[in-house]
Amino acid sequence: MGADQDAIEVGASIGIRADRSLTYGRGRARAAYAASSRLTSAFRAAPAGVTPDGVGFDQQDRTAARD
């Protein structure tokens, strides 16, 4: 996650998948952290040792996090 930057581009440069990166605008931290909480819950619900491939930020998360 990154405020006022291209979190997808920065994340990709360090090996983080685009669907697991989220850019958010000033004043949109609450929406960004709510999306992050949902993502974390999905990971925690997965069986031990399994990384769910379909879990990531979606377009609804990205729209809510924009200014």
N, C-alpha and C. Protein backbone atom coordinates (compact mmCIF):
# COMPACT_ATOMS: atom_id res chain seq x y z
N MET A 1 0.84 -1.17 0.00
CA MET A 1 0.00 0.00 0.00
C MET A 1 0.89 1.24 0.00
N GLY A 2 0.45 2.24 -0.71
CA GLY A 2 1.21 3.47 -0.76
C GLY A 2 0.31 4.66 -1.03
N ALA A 3 0.49 5.71 -0.26
CA ALA A 3 -0.30 6.93 -0.45
C ALA A 3 0.39 7.84 -1.43
N ASP A 4 -0.39 8.33 -2.39
CA ASP A 4 0.09 9.30 -3.37
C ASP A 4 1.34 8.84 -4.12
N GLN A 5 1.36 7.57 -4.47
CA GLN A 5 2.44 7.01 -5.29
C GLN A 5 1.84 5.88 -6.11
N ASP A 6 2.59 5.34 -7.03
CA ASP A 6 2.11 4.20 -7.80
C ASP A 6 2.56 2.94 -7.07
N ALA A 7 1.73 2.48 -6.14
CA ALA A 7 2.08 1.32 -5.33
C ALA A 7 2.24 0.07 -6.18
N ILE A 8 1.51 -0.02 -7.28
CA ILE A 8 1.62 -1.20 -8.14
C ILE A 8 3.00 -1.24 -8.79
N GLU A 9 3.45 -0.11 -9.30
CA GLU A 9 4.77 -0.04 -9.93
C GLU A 9 5.89 -0.30 -8.90
N VAL A 10 5.80 0.35 -7.77
CA VAL A 10 6.82 0.16 -6.73
C VAL A 10 6.80 -1.28 -6.22
N GLY A 11 5.62 -1.81 -5.98
CA GLY A 11 5.50 -3.19 -5.54
C GLY A 11 6.09 -4.16 -6.54
N ALA A 12 5.80 -3.96 -7.82
CA ALA A 12 6.35 -4.84 -8.86
C ALA A 12 7.87 -4.83 -8.85
N SER A 13 8.46 -3.68 -8.55
CA SER A 13 9.92 -3.58 -8.55
C SER A 13 10.56 -4.39 -7.43
N ILE A 14 9.77 -4.78 -6.42
CA ILE A 14 10.31 -5.61 -5.35
C ILE A 14 9.61 -6.97 -5.27
N GLY A 15 8.93 -7.34 -6.37
CA GLY A 15 8.37 -8.68 -6.48
C GLY A 15 6.97 -8.89 -5.92
N ILE A 16 6.23 -7.81 -5.69
CA ILE A 16 4.87 -7.93 -5.17
C ILE A 16 3.89 -7.87 -6.33
N ARG A 17 2.97 -8.82 -6.37
CA ARG A 17 1.99 -8.87 -7.45
C ARG A 17 1.11 -7.63 -7.46
N ALA A 18 0.68 -7.22 -8.65
CA ALA A 18 -0.15 -6.02 -8.81
C ALA A 18 -1.46 -6.12 -8.04
N ASP A 19 -2.06 -7.31 -8.01
CA ASP A 19 -3.35 -7.44 -7.31
C ASP A 19 -3.21 -7.41 -5.80
N ARG A 20 -1.98 -7.39 -5.32
CA ARG A 20 -1.73 -7.30 -3.88
C ARG A 20 -1.09 -5.97 -3.50
N SER A 21 -1.16 -5.01 -4.41
CA SER A 21 -0.68 -3.65 -4.16
C SER A 21 -1.87 -2.70 -4.31
N LEU A 22 -1.86 -1.64 -3.51
CA LEU A 22 -2.97 -0.70 -3.55
C LEU A 22 -2.45 0.72 -3.34
N THR A 23 -2.74 1.58 -4.29
CA THR A 23 -2.44 3.00 -4.16
C THR A 23 -3.68 3.68 -3.58
N TYR A 24 -3.46 4.56 -2.62
CA TYR A 24 -4.60 5.29 -2.07
C TYR A 24 -4.27 6.77 -1.94
N GLY A 25 -5.29 7.58 -2.04
CA GLY A 25 -5.11 9.03 -1.98
C GLY A 25 -5.21 9.57 -0.57
N ARG A 26 -4.73 10.78 -0.41
CA ARG A 26 -4.86 11.45 0.90
C ARG A 26 -6.33 11.49 1.29
N GLY A 27 -6.59 11.24 2.51
CA GLY A 27 -7.97 11.25 2.98
C GLY A 27 -8.70 9.95 2.72
N ARG A 28 -8.03 8.98 2.10
CA ARG A 28 -8.68 7.70 1.78
C ARG A 28 -8.05 6.53 2.53
N ALA A 29 -7.30 6.84 3.59
CA ALA A 29 -6.63 5.78 4.36
C ALA A 29 -7.64 4.80 4.96
N ARG A 30 -8.77 5.31 5.41
CA ARG A 30 -9.78 4.42 6.01
C ARG A 30 -10.23 3.37 4.99
N ALA A 31 -10.50 3.78 3.77
CA ALA A 31 -10.92 2.83 2.73
C ALA A 31 -9.79 1.86 2.40
N ALA A 32 -8.57 2.37 2.34
CA ALA A 32 -7.42 1.51 2.03
C ALA A 32 -7.21 0.46 3.11
N TYR A 33 -7.29 0.88 4.36
CA TYR A 33 -7.09 -0.07 5.44
C TYR A 33 -8.26 -1.04 5.59
N ALA A 34 -9.46 -0.63 5.24
CA ALA A 34 -10.60 -1.55 5.23
C ALA A 34 -10.38 -2.64 4.17
N ALA A 35 -9.89 -2.23 3.00
CA ALA A 35 -9.59 -3.21 1.94
C ALA A 35 -8.46 -4.14 2.39
N SER A 36 -7.46 -3.59 3.04
CA SER A 36 -6.35 -4.40 3.53
C SER A 36 -6.83 -5.39 4.59
N SER A 37 -7.75 -4.97 5.43
CA SER A 37 -8.31 -5.85 6.44
C SER A 37 -9.05 -7.02 5.80
N ARG A 38 -9.84 -6.74 4.76
CA ARG A 38 -10.55 -7.82 4.05
C ARG A 38 -9.56 -8.80 3.42
N LEU A 39 -8.50 -8.25 2.83
CA LEU A 39 -7.48 -9.09 2.20
C LEU A 39 -6.79 -9.97 3.25
N THR A 40 -6.44 -9.39 4.38
CA THR A 40 -5.79 -10.14 5.46
C THR A 40 -6.72 -11.24 5.97
N SER A 41 -7.99 -10.93 6.13
CA SER A 41 -8.95 -11.94 6.58
C SER A 41 -9.03 -13.11 5.61
N ALA A 42 -9.01 -12.82 4.32
CA ALA A 42 -9.05 -13.89 3.32
C ALA A 42 -7.81 -14.77 3.41
N PHE A 43 -6.66 -14.17 3.62
CA PHE A 43 -5.44 -14.97 3.79
C PHE A 43 -5.51 -15.82 5.05
N ARG A 44 -6.01 -15.24 6.11
CA ARG A 44 -6.07 -15.98 7.37
C ARG A 44 -7.08 -17.12 7.31
N ALA A 45 -8.09 -17.01 6.47
CA ALA A 45 -9.11 -18.04 6.34
C ALA A 45 -8.62 -19.23 5.51
N ALA A 46 -7.54 -19.05 4.78
CA ALA A 46 -7.00 -20.13 3.94
C ALA A 46 -6.36 -21.20 4.84
N PRO A 47 -6.36 -22.44 4.38
CA PRO A 47 -5.71 -23.49 5.15
C PRO A 47 -4.22 -23.18 5.38
N ALA A 48 -3.69 -23.68 6.46
CA ALA A 48 -2.28 -23.45 6.79
C ALA A 48 -1.38 -23.91 5.65
N GLY A 49 -0.42 -23.07 5.31
CA GLY A 49 0.55 -23.41 4.27
C GLY A 49 0.06 -23.17 2.85
N VAL A 50 -1.16 -22.67 2.70
CA VAL A 50 -1.73 -22.44 1.37
C VAL A 50 -1.85 -20.93 1.14
N THR A 51 -1.29 -20.46 0.05
CA THR A 51 -1.45 -19.05 -0.33
C THR A 51 -2.52 -18.99 -1.42
N PRO A 52 -3.68 -18.44 -1.11
CA PRO A 52 -4.76 -18.42 -2.10
C PRO A 52 -4.43 -17.50 -3.28
N ASP A 53 -4.47 -18.05 -4.48
CA ASP A 53 -4.12 -17.28 -5.68
C ASP A 53 -5.15 -16.21 -6.04
N GLY A 54 -6.40 -16.44 -5.77
CA GLY A 54 -7.43 -15.50 -6.18
C GLY A 54 -7.66 -14.35 -5.22
N VAL A 55 -6.82 -14.21 -4.21
CA VAL A 55 -7.01 -13.17 -3.21
C VAL A 55 -6.17 -11.96 -3.57
N GLY A 56 -6.83 -10.81 -3.68
CA GLY A 56 -6.12 -9.58 -4.00
C GLY A 56 -7.08 -8.41 -3.96
N PHE A 57 -6.55 -7.22 -4.10
CA PHE A 57 -7.40 -6.03 -4.17
C PHE A 57 -8.16 -6.05 -5.49
N ASP A 58 -9.43 -5.68 -5.46
CA ASP A 58 -10.22 -5.67 -6.69
C ASP A 58 -10.52 -4.22 -7.10
N GLN A 59 -11.24 -4.07 -8.19
CA GLN A 59 -11.53 -2.74 -8.72
C GLN A 59 -12.35 -1.91 -7.73
N GLN A 60 -13.23 -2.54 -7.00
CA GLN A 60 -14.03 -1.84 -5.99
C GLN A 60 -13.10 -1.25 -4.92
N ASP A 61 -12.10 -2.02 -4.47
CA ASP A 61 -11.13 -1.52 -3.49
C ASP A 61 -10.36 -0.33 -4.06
N ARG A 62 -9.93 -0.46 -5.31
CA ARG A 62 -9.14 0.61 -5.94
C ARG A 62 -9.96 1.89 -6.10
N THR A 63 -11.22 1.76 -6.48
CA THR A 63 -12.08 2.93 -6.65
C THR A 63 -12.32 3.61 -5.31
N ALA A 64 -12.57 2.84 -4.27
CA ALA A 64 -12.82 3.42 -2.94
C ALA A 64 -11.59 4.12 -2.37
N ALA A 65 -10.40 3.69 -2.76
CA ALA A 65 -9.18 4.24 -2.21
C ALA A 65 -8.67 5.48 -2.96
N ARG A 66 -9.27 5.76 -4.11
CA ARG A 66 -8.83 6.95 -4.89
C ARG A 66 -9.45 8.21 -4.33
N ASP A 67 -8.76 9.33 -4.56
CA ASP A 67 -9.32 10.63 -4.18
C ASP A 67 -10.52 10.97 -4.99
